[in-house]
Protein backbone atom coordinates (compact mmCIF):
# COMPACT_ATOMS: atom_id res chain seq x y z
CA MET A 1 26.41 -84.98 -47.77
CA ALA A 2 25.11 -85.97 -51.19
CA LEU A 3 21.94 -87.40 -49.61
CA LEU A 4 21.37 -84.15 -47.73
CA LEU A 5 21.69 -82.16 -50.94
CA VAL A 6 19.20 -84.47 -52.65
CA LEU A 7 16.70 -84.03 -49.80
CA VAL A 8 17.12 -80.25 -49.88
CA GLY A 9 16.61 -80.31 -53.63
CA VAL A 10 13.43 -82.37 -53.29
CA VAL A 11 12.02 -80.03 -50.62
CA VAL A 12 12.85 -76.94 -52.69
CA GLY A 13 11.30 -78.58 -55.76
CA VAL A 14 8.09 -79.45 -53.92
CA VAL A 15 7.79 -75.94 -52.46
CA LEU A 16 8.45 -74.35 -55.86
CA ALA A 17 5.98 -76.64 -57.65
CA SER A 18 3.32 -75.98 -55.01
CA SER A 19 3.82 -72.23 -55.28
CA LEU A 20 3.57 -72.38 -59.07
CA LEU A 21 0.38 -74.48 -58.93
CA LEU A 22 -1.26 -72.11 -56.46
CA ARG A 23 -0.22 -69.08 -58.53
CA TRP A 24 -1.41 -70.70 -61.78
CA ASN A 25 -4.83 -71.38 -60.25
CA GLU A 26 -5.16 -67.76 -59.13
CA VAL A 27 -4.19 -66.46 -62.59
CA ARG A 28 -6.52 -68.94 -64.33
CA TYR A 29 -9.59 -67.67 -62.49
CA GLY A 30 -8.49 -64.05 -62.22
CA ARG A 31 -7.87 -63.47 -65.95
CA ARG A 32 -11.13 -61.82 -67.02
CA LYS A 33 -12.15 -59.03 -69.40
CA GLU A 34 -15.78 -58.71 -68.26
CA GLY A 35 -15.06 -57.27 -64.81
CA ARG A 36 -13.11 -57.83 -61.65
CA LEU A 37 -13.75 -60.61 -59.18
CA PRO A 38 -14.16 -60.17 -55.43
CA PRO A 39 -10.93 -60.59 -53.42
CA GLY A 40 -9.95 -64.04 -52.16
CA THR A 41 -7.93 -67.14 -52.97
CA MET A 42 -8.76 -70.21 -55.06
CA GLY A 43 -6.44 -72.78 -53.48
CA TRP A 44 -5.22 -75.83 -55.39
CA PRO A 45 -6.30 -76.88 -58.88
CA LEU A 46 -9.35 -79.18 -58.71
CA PHE A 47 -9.39 -79.37 -54.89
CA GLY A 48 -9.45 -75.63 -54.25
CA GLU A 49 -9.83 -74.90 -50.53
CA THR A 50 -12.23 -77.77 -49.85
CA THR A 51 -10.02 -79.45 -47.24
CA GLU A 52 -9.73 -76.26 -45.17
CA PHE A 53 -13.46 -75.56 -45.61
CA LEU A 54 -14.48 -79.00 -44.29
CA LYS A 55 -11.92 -79.15 -41.48
CA GLN A 56 -12.25 -75.61 -40.15
CA GLY A 57 -16.01 -75.20 -40.51
CA PRO A 58 -17.33 -71.72 -39.56
CA SER A 59 -13.82 -70.49 -38.66
CA PHE A 60 -12.91 -70.84 -42.37
CA MET A 61 -15.52 -68.20 -43.16
CA LYS A 62 -14.62 -65.96 -40.21
CA GLN A 63 -10.93 -65.86 -41.14
CA ARG A 64 -11.68 -64.89 -44.73
CA ARG A 65 -14.24 -62.31 -43.72
CA LEU A 66 -11.64 -60.62 -41.51
CA ARG A 67 -9.16 -60.65 -44.38
CA TYR A 68 -11.35 -59.85 -47.40
CA GLY A 69 -14.65 -58.44 -46.10
CA ARG A 70 -18.24 -59.66 -46.49
CA LEU A 71 -17.82 -60.64 -50.15
CA PHE A 72 -14.97 -62.92 -51.20
CA ARG A 73 -14.12 -65.72 -53.62
CA THR A 74 -12.90 -69.25 -52.95
CA HIS A 75 -13.08 -72.73 -54.50
CA ILE A 76 -14.95 -75.35 -52.46
CA LEU A 77 -16.56 -78.73 -53.18
CA GLY A 78 -15.36 -78.63 -56.78
CA CYS A 79 -16.86 -75.20 -57.60
CA PRO A 80 -15.45 -71.67 -57.94
CA THR A 81 -17.59 -69.86 -55.38
CA VAL A 82 -18.29 -66.35 -54.14
CA VAL A 83 -19.30 -66.18 -50.47
CA CYS A 84 -21.66 -63.35 -49.52
CA MET A 85 -22.13 -62.44 -45.85
CA ASP A 86 -23.90 -59.13 -46.44
CA PRO A 87 -27.48 -59.56 -45.12
CA GLU A 88 -29.04 -57.03 -47.49
CA LEU A 89 -27.28 -58.47 -50.54
CA ASN A 90 -28.34 -61.95 -49.46
CA ARG A 91 -31.95 -60.87 -49.09
CA ARG A 92 -31.97 -59.28 -52.55
CA MET A 93 -30.39 -62.33 -54.19
CA LEU A 94 -32.94 -64.71 -52.67
CA LEU A 95 -35.81 -62.43 -53.72
CA GLN A 96 -34.57 -62.02 -57.32
CA GLY A 97 -33.92 -65.71 -57.94
CA GLU A 98 -33.96 -66.81 -61.57
CA ALA A 99 -34.91 -63.34 -62.79
CA GLY A 100 -31.63 -62.09 -61.34
CA GLY A 101 -29.60 -64.81 -63.05
CA LEU A 102 -29.51 -67.21 -60.09
CA VAL A 103 -30.76 -70.79 -59.82
CA PRO A 104 -30.13 -73.47 -57.17
CA GLY A 105 -26.44 -74.34 -57.31
CA TYR A 106 -25.75 -77.30 -55.11
CA PRO A 107 -22.36 -79.03 -55.56
CA GLN A 108 -21.91 -81.94 -57.95
CA SER A 109 -21.63 -84.42 -55.08
CA MET A 110 -24.95 -83.33 -53.60
CA LEU A 111 -26.73 -83.36 -56.97
CA ASP A 112 -25.44 -86.84 -57.81
CA ILE A 113 -26.23 -88.36 -54.43
CA LEU A 114 -29.55 -86.67 -53.58
CA GLY A 115 -30.71 -86.77 -57.19
CA ARG A 116 -31.05 -84.09 -59.83
CA ASN A 117 -34.83 -84.03 -59.42
CA ASN A 118 -34.81 -83.22 -55.71
CA ILE A 119 -36.95 -80.20 -54.83
CA ALA A 120 -34.01 -78.12 -53.59
CA ALA A 121 -32.07 -78.47 -56.85
CA VAL A 122 -34.66 -77.99 -59.61
CA HIS A 123 -35.98 -74.68 -60.93
CA GLY A 124 -38.39 -73.29 -63.49
CA GLN A 125 -41.41 -75.37 -64.57
CA LEU A 126 -40.13 -78.58 -62.93
CA HIS A 127 -39.84 -76.81 -59.58
CA ARG A 128 -43.39 -75.49 -59.92
CA VAL A 129 -44.70 -78.99 -60.68
CA MET A 130 -42.87 -80.63 -57.78
CA ARG A 131 -43.72 -77.81 -55.40
CA GLY A 132 -47.38 -78.21 -56.37
CA ALA A 133 -47.20 -81.91 -55.52
CA MET A 134 -45.64 -81.15 -52.15
CA VAL A 135 -47.91 -78.29 -51.08
CA GLY A 136 -50.83 -80.65 -50.63
CA LEU A 137 -48.79 -82.74 -48.19
CA VAL A 138 -48.44 -79.91 -45.67
CA ARG A 139 -51.61 -77.89 -46.19
CA PRO A 140 -53.46 -76.99 -42.93
CA ALA A 141 -56.08 -79.71 -43.43
CA ALA A 142 -53.37 -82.37 -43.82
CA LEU A 143 -51.57 -81.08 -40.74
CA ARG A 144 -54.73 -81.21 -38.64
CA GLN A 145 -56.11 -84.53 -39.83
CA SER A 146 -53.04 -86.62 -40.59
CA LEU A 147 -49.55 -85.33 -39.87
CA LEU A 148 -50.03 -83.96 -36.35
CA PRO A 149 -51.96 -86.98 -34.95
CA LYS A 150 -49.35 -89.37 -36.39
CA ILE A 151 -46.43 -87.35 -35.04
CA ASP A 152 -48.09 -87.15 -31.62
CA ALA A 153 -48.67 -90.92 -31.52
CA PHE A 154 -45.12 -91.65 -32.70
CA MET A 155 -43.51 -89.37 -30.11
CA ARG A 156 -45.57 -90.83 -27.24
CA ASP A 157 -44.62 -94.36 -28.23
CA HIS A 158 -40.98 -93.54 -28.91
CA LEU A 159 -40.31 -91.51 -25.75
CA CYS A 160 -41.87 -94.18 -23.52
CA GLY A 161 -38.86 -96.34 -24.30
CA TRP A 162 -36.55 -93.72 -22.76
CA ALA A 163 -38.10 -93.90 -19.29
CA GLY A 164 -35.78 -95.18 -16.56
CA THR A 165 -32.73 -95.39 -18.83
CA VAL A 166 -29.56 -93.38 -19.40
CA VAL A 167 -30.04 -91.67 -22.76
CA ASP A 168 -27.33 -90.84 -25.28
CA VAL A 169 -29.03 -87.68 -26.54
CA GLN A 170 -27.09 -87.45 -29.79
CA ALA A 171 -27.77 -91.06 -30.78
CA LYS A 172 -31.40 -91.00 -29.64
CA THR A 173 -32.32 -87.75 -31.39
CA LYS A 174 -30.82 -89.11 -34.62
CA GLU A 175 -32.86 -92.28 -34.26
CA MET A 176 -36.00 -90.33 -33.36
CA ALA A 177 -35.66 -87.92 -36.29
CA LEU A 178 -35.07 -90.67 -38.83
CA LEU A 179 -37.87 -92.96 -37.62
CA SER A 180 -40.30 -90.03 -37.46
CA ALA A 181 -39.40 -88.94 -41.01
CA LEU A 182 -39.70 -92.49 -42.35
CA ARG A 183 -43.09 -92.97 -40.66
CA GLN A 184 -44.59 -89.78 -42.12
CA ILE A 185 -42.99 -90.06 -45.54
CA ALA A 186 -43.33 -93.75 -46.38
CA GLY A 187 -45.14 -95.41 -43.47
CA VAL A 188 -41.97 -97.27 -42.40
CA THR A 189 -41.88 -98.38 -38.75
CA ALA A 190 -38.95 -99.60 -36.64
CA GLY A 191 -37.64 -102.91 -37.95
CA PRO A 192 -35.34 -104.46 -40.57
CA LEU A 193 -36.43 -102.02 -43.30
CA SER A 194 -35.80 -98.91 -41.18
CA ASP A 195 -32.43 -100.37 -40.08
CA ALA A 196 -31.42 -100.86 -43.73
CA LEU A 197 -32.52 -97.34 -44.64
CA LYS A 198 -30.68 -95.90 -41.62
CA THR A 199 -27.40 -97.59 -42.55
CA GLU A 200 -27.51 -96.27 -46.12
CA LEU A 201 -28.66 -92.79 -45.12
CA TYR A 202 -25.77 -92.27 -42.69
CA THR A 203 -23.33 -93.14 -45.50
CA LEU A 204 -25.21 -90.98 -47.99
CA VAL A 205 -25.01 -87.89 -45.74
CA LEU A 206 -21.19 -88.02 -45.64
CA GLY A 207 -21.04 -88.33 -49.42
CA THR A 208 -22.99 -85.12 -50.02
CA ILE A 209 -20.23 -82.99 -48.46
CA SER A 210 -17.27 -84.44 -50.35
CA LEU A 211 -15.40 -83.89 -53.58
CA PRO A 212 -17.01 -85.78 -56.51
CA ILE A 213 -14.18 -88.31 -56.88
CA ASN A 214 -15.75 -91.62 -57.85
CA LEU A 215 -13.04 -93.98 -56.60
CA PRO A 216 -13.52 -96.87 -54.14
CA GLY A 217 -12.86 -95.74 -50.59
CA THR A 218 -13.84 -92.09 -51.09
CA SER A 219 -16.83 -90.61 -49.26
CA TYR A 220 -18.39 -89.69 -52.61
CA TYR A 221 -18.13 -93.27 -53.92
CA GLN A 222 -19.61 -94.71 -50.73
CA GLY A 223 -22.38 -92.09 -50.71
CA PHE A 224 -23.27 -92.83 -54.33
CA GLN A 225 -23.39 -96.57 -53.62
CA ALA A 226 -25.69 -95.83 -50.67
CA ARG A 227 -27.95 -93.84 -53.01
CA LYS A 228 -28.18 -96.80 -55.39
CA LYS A 229 -29.30 -99.04 -52.53
CA LEU A 230 -31.85 -96.47 -51.33
CA VAL A 231 -33.23 -96.11 -54.86
CA SER A 232 -33.59 -99.90 -55.10
CA ILE A 233 -35.48 -100.05 -51.78
CA LEU A 234 -37.81 -97.19 -52.77
CA GLU A 235 -38.46 -98.68 -56.24
CA GLN A 236 -39.51 -101.92 -54.57
CA MET A 237 -41.81 -100.03 -52.17
CA ILE A 238 -43.46 -98.20 -55.08
CA ALA A 239 -43.94 -101.45 -57.02
CA GLU A 240 -45.52 -103.12 -53.97
CA ARG A 241 -47.85 -100.15 -53.43
CA ARG A 242 -49.04 -100.29 -57.04
CA SER A 243 -49.53 -104.06 -57.09
CA SER A 244 -51.50 -104.15 -53.82
CA GLY A 245 -53.73 -101.19 -54.61
CA ASP A 246 -54.13 -100.53 -50.87
CA ALA A 247 -54.41 -96.94 -49.66
CA HIS A 248 -51.74 -95.65 -47.27
CA ASP A 249 -51.98 -92.45 -45.27
CA ASP A 250 -48.48 -91.14 -45.95
CA MET A 251 -46.55 -88.82 -48.27
CA LEU A 252 -45.50 -91.57 -50.69
CA ASP A 253 -49.12 -92.52 -51.31
CA ALA A 254 -50.07 -88.87 -51.84
CA LEU A 255 -47.22 -88.40 -54.34
CA LEU A 256 -48.18 -91.54 -56.27
CA ARG A 257 -51.74 -90.24 -56.56
CA SER A 258 -50.71 -86.65 -57.30
CA GLY A 259 -52.09 -85.55 -60.65
CA ASP A 260 -54.66 -88.35 -60.90
CA ASP A 261 -57.48 -85.82 -60.57
CA GLY A 262 -56.18 -83.74 -63.48
CA THR A 263 -55.65 -80.60 -61.38
CA ARG A 264 -51.85 -80.73 -61.71
CA GLU A 265 -49.15 -82.38 -63.78
CA LYS A 266 -48.24 -85.90 -62.70
CA ILE A 267 -44.66 -86.52 -61.57
CA SER A 268 -42.59 -89.55 -62.58
CA ASP A 269 -41.35 -92.34 -60.31
CA GLU A 270 -37.79 -91.07 -60.74
CA GLN A 271 -38.86 -87.62 -59.54
CA ILE A 272 -40.79 -89.14 -56.62
CA ILE A 273 -37.72 -91.13 -55.52
CA ASP A 274 -35.43 -88.09 -55.66
CA LEU A 275 -38.02 -86.10 -53.75
CA LEU A 276 -38.33 -88.80 -51.06
CA ILE A 277 -34.56 -89.07 -50.62
CA ALA A 278 -34.28 -85.28 -50.27
CA LEU A 279 -37.18 -85.16 -47.78
CA ILE A 280 -35.69 -87.92 -45.61
CA TYR A 281 -32.23 -86.34 -45.81
CA SER A 282 -33.31 -82.80 -44.94
CA GLY A 283 -35.83 -83.82 -42.28
CA TYR A 284 -33.37 -86.14 -40.58
CA GLU A 285 -30.43 -83.72 -40.57
CA THR A 286 -32.22 -80.59 -39.36
CA MET A 287 -34.57 -82.25 -36.89
CA SER A 288 -31.95 -84.43 -35.17
CA THR A 289 -29.45 -81.58 -34.71
CA THR A 290 -32.10 -79.09 -33.59
CA SER A 291 -33.55 -81.57 -31.07
CA MET A 292 -30.13 -82.41 -29.65
CA MET A 293 -29.13 -78.75 -29.28
CA ALA A 294 -32.50 -77.84 -27.75
CA VAL A 295 -31.91 -80.44 -25.01
CA LYS A 296 -28.44 -78.99 -24.42
CA TYR A 297 -29.58 -75.36 -24.21
CA LEU A 298 -32.61 -76.09 -22.03
CA SER A 299 -30.55 -78.20 -19.62
CA GLU A 300 -28.17 -75.25 -19.26
CA HIS A 301 -30.99 -72.72 -18.71
CA PRO A 302 -33.40 -73.96 -15.99
CA ARG A 303 -35.60 -70.86 -16.20
CA ALA A 304 -36.31 -71.48 -19.89
CA LEU A 305 -36.95 -75.17 -19.20
CA GLU A 306 -39.40 -74.31 -16.43
CA GLU A 307 -41.27 -71.86 -18.69
CA LEU A 308 -41.49 -74.51 -21.41
CA ARG A 309 -42.74 -77.11 -18.93
CA ARG A 310 -45.36 -74.68 -17.58
CA GLU A 311 -46.70 -73.98 -21.08
CA HIS A 312 -47.10 -77.69 -21.83
CA LEU A 313 -48.63 -78.56 -18.45
CA ASP A 314 -51.20 -75.77 -18.90
CA ILE A 315 -52.22 -77.32 -22.23
CA ARG A 316 -52.47 -80.80 -20.68
CA LYS A 317 -54.69 -79.63 -17.79
CA GLY A 318 -57.91 -79.96 -19.74
CA LYS A 319 -57.04 -83.26 -21.41
CA SER A 320 -57.10 -86.92 -20.46
CA PRO A 321 -53.68 -88.67 -20.30
CA ASP A 322 -54.19 -90.40 -23.66
CA GLU A 323 -55.72 -87.42 -25.48
CA ALA A 324 -53.59 -86.14 -28.35
CA ILE A 325 -52.62 -82.51 -28.74
CA SER A 326 -54.55 -80.58 -31.35
CA TYR A 327 -53.53 -78.16 -34.08
CA ASP A 328 -54.88 -75.30 -31.94
CA ASP A 329 -52.73 -76.50 -29.03
CA VAL A 330 -49.63 -76.30 -31.20
CA LYS A 331 -50.58 -72.82 -32.41
CA SER A 332 -50.86 -71.68 -28.78
CA MET A 333 -47.32 -72.84 -27.87
CA THR A 334 -45.73 -69.40 -28.14
CA PHE A 335 -42.80 -70.08 -25.82
CA THR A 336 -42.14 -73.49 -27.40
CA ARG A 337 -41.96 -71.80 -30.79
CA ALA A 338 -39.62 -69.17 -29.33
CA ALA A 339 -37.34 -71.87 -27.86
CA ILE A 340 -37.16 -73.65 -31.23
CA PHE A 341 -36.33 -70.42 -33.06
CA GLU A 342 -33.63 -69.55 -30.53
CA THR A 343 -32.13 -73.04 -30.87
CA LEU A 344 -32.09 -72.71 -34.67
CA ARG A 345 -30.46 -69.28 -34.38
CA LEU A 346 -27.77 -70.18 -31.86
CA ALA A 347 -26.97 -73.66 -33.21
CA THR A 348 -27.32 -72.53 -36.85
CA VAL A 349 -28.18 -75.92 -38.29
CA VAL A 350 -28.21 -74.52 -41.85
CA ASN A 351 -25.33 -72.14 -42.62
CA GLY A 352 -26.67 -70.83 -45.90
CA LEU A 353 -27.90 -71.55 -49.42
CA LEU A 354 -26.04 -72.17 -52.67
CA ARG A 355 -26.98 -70.52 -55.95
CA LYS A 356 -25.51 -70.87 -59.44
CA THR A 357 -25.14 -68.00 -61.91
CA ILE A 358 -26.76 -68.62 -65.31
CA LYS A 359 -25.26 -65.37 -66.62
CA ASP A 360 -22.64 -62.89 -65.48
CA VAL A 361 -24.04 -61.25 -62.34
CA GLU A 362 -22.96 -57.82 -61.11
CA MET A 363 -22.67 -57.45 -57.36
CA ASN A 364 -21.31 -54.45 -55.46
CA GLY A 365 -19.04 -53.44 -58.33
CA TYR A 366 -17.79 -56.97 -58.97
CA VAL A 367 -18.81 -59.38 -61.74
CA ILE A 368 -19.54 -62.99 -60.81
CA PRO A 369 -18.96 -65.14 -63.94
CA LYS A 370 -21.61 -67.39 -65.43
CA GLY A 371 -21.40 -70.91 -64.00
CA TRP A 372 -19.95 -69.89 -60.63
CA ARG A 373 -21.65 -70.62 -57.30
CA ILE A 374 -22.73 -67.97 -54.83
CA TYR A 375 -22.88 -69.10 -51.21
CA VAL A 376 -25.62 -67.02 -49.59
CA TYR A 377 -24.06 -67.36 -46.14
CA THR A 378 -26.71 -66.52 -43.54
CA ARG A 379 -24.96 -67.87 -40.44
CA GLU A 380 -23.31 -64.57 -39.48
CA ILE A 381 -26.60 -62.64 -39.27
CA ASN A 382 -27.67 -65.02 -36.50
CA TYR A 383 -24.96 -63.52 -34.28
CA ASP A 384 -25.43 -59.87 -35.27
CA PRO A 385 -25.59 -57.90 -31.96
CA PHE A 386 -27.71 -55.18 -33.58
CA MET A 387 -30.43 -57.67 -34.49
CA TYR A 388 -29.91 -60.01 -31.52
CA PRO A 389 -28.55 -58.21 -28.43
CA ASP A 390 -26.15 -60.41 -26.44
CA PRO A 391 -26.18 -62.85 -29.39
CA MET A 392 -24.26 -65.73 -27.78
CA THR A 393 -26.81 -66.07 -24.96
CA PHE A 394 -29.72 -68.52 -25.23
CA ASN A 395 -32.71 -66.22 -24.77
CA PRO A 396 -36.04 -67.54 -26.16
CA TRP A 397 -37.89 -64.51 -24.78
CA ARG A 398 -36.38 -62.33 -27.53
CA TRP A 399 -38.68 -64.12 -30.02
CA LEU A 400 -41.81 -63.04 -28.15
CA GLU A 401 -41.28 -59.55 -29.55
CA LYS A 402 -43.73 -59.03 -32.41
CA ASN A 403 -41.26 -57.64 -34.95
CA MET A 404 -38.63 -60.40 -34.84
CA GLU A 405 -40.05 -62.76 -37.48
CA SER A 406 -40.99 -59.88 -39.80
CA HIS A 407 -37.47 -58.41 -39.82
CA PRO A 408 -36.21 -58.22 -43.44
CA HIS A 409 -33.00 -60.05 -42.47
CA PHE A 410 -34.78 -62.91 -40.68
CA MET A 411 -33.36 -65.92 -42.53
CA LEU A 412 -33.53 -68.93 -40.21
CA PHE A 413 -35.42 -70.77 -42.96
CA GLY A 414 -33.80 -69.11 -45.96
CA GLY A 415 -35.79 -66.61 -47.98
CA GLY A 416 -37.23 -65.63 -51.33
CA GLY A 417 -39.83 -67.32 -53.49
CA ARG A 418 -38.54 -70.88 -52.90
CA MET A 419 -39.35 -70.96 -49.18
């Protein structure tokens, strides 16, 4: 009997303590003189609602939208955050940018692991300098003369190895995306170096979506250790490039030479490394998932697959088997472009963008405090039946309509001046 009473007392104590902690966290963030916050809950001290956010995924957002509306507050990935699902508000925020009191606001874990100088995280003059260095890498002349021929050659060589085998699409698209990114960015081909980079990158990715708890065994700790190893590998590559003096037709070489002609400010090795890690990370994540989902959707929709095949066979008719596709060929692939857009819309590889307030920001009658994050959540617009009739159906033909890409709420690739 005494043991039972002790157990009941412990349970009651835990429940009471938990309730008090949750209530204290709500009061701590809700006590403001400057203006009221959007509705919502802040979860536990320090952890907030991160566990629910990571486990539930999109359903976390849907449940809170049903309860609080298109604008609500939460606490995720170590940051007090306001989630905005209103497409017009999102568009205005992305257009205003720093002038409206908003700068990139990625979580601490992502900043630490991808690097504070990565192009997605910096703003102001540093962003202009790094953007200037990157623009030359993807200008039309570079696409025609370098990037497209190399991508074409890589894909031919890589896909030949799939013939006559059973393919694990998820594993193969990950491998394809990573090797393609490494080839274009740093001239790395399949081998021991790419294997080492792959191992560290997979660990790094998991660390970017974790709480910044730097203890052995945590995803953050492992991701940060993976970053250290990647930095070491890239530093060695840069040193070897400089000592050899040989020219390389890749992005790393272009970044090392950026600013040598005096037309723009030169960027440091530290900035180059952060930029390379961010490029590999973003290219690998988006390309592998989009490729995998495109295979899935096309296999489920034979008519779309046949239309895609017809477009490509028509382009190949006037070419020899070994002749590469040209920039003009790519521009003429209207249905291919439509299929990619529809895959990006339906799969929603990128759910939204994070911004940080550098001053109190007024929004729809609420005041978002300085230092908070705003999650510009664009996923929901992808399933808006007014913009996309029958939104859960894979229908590439919808993108052949002329007004789709010019719609003010078209946000597959984000929006605003940082695109």
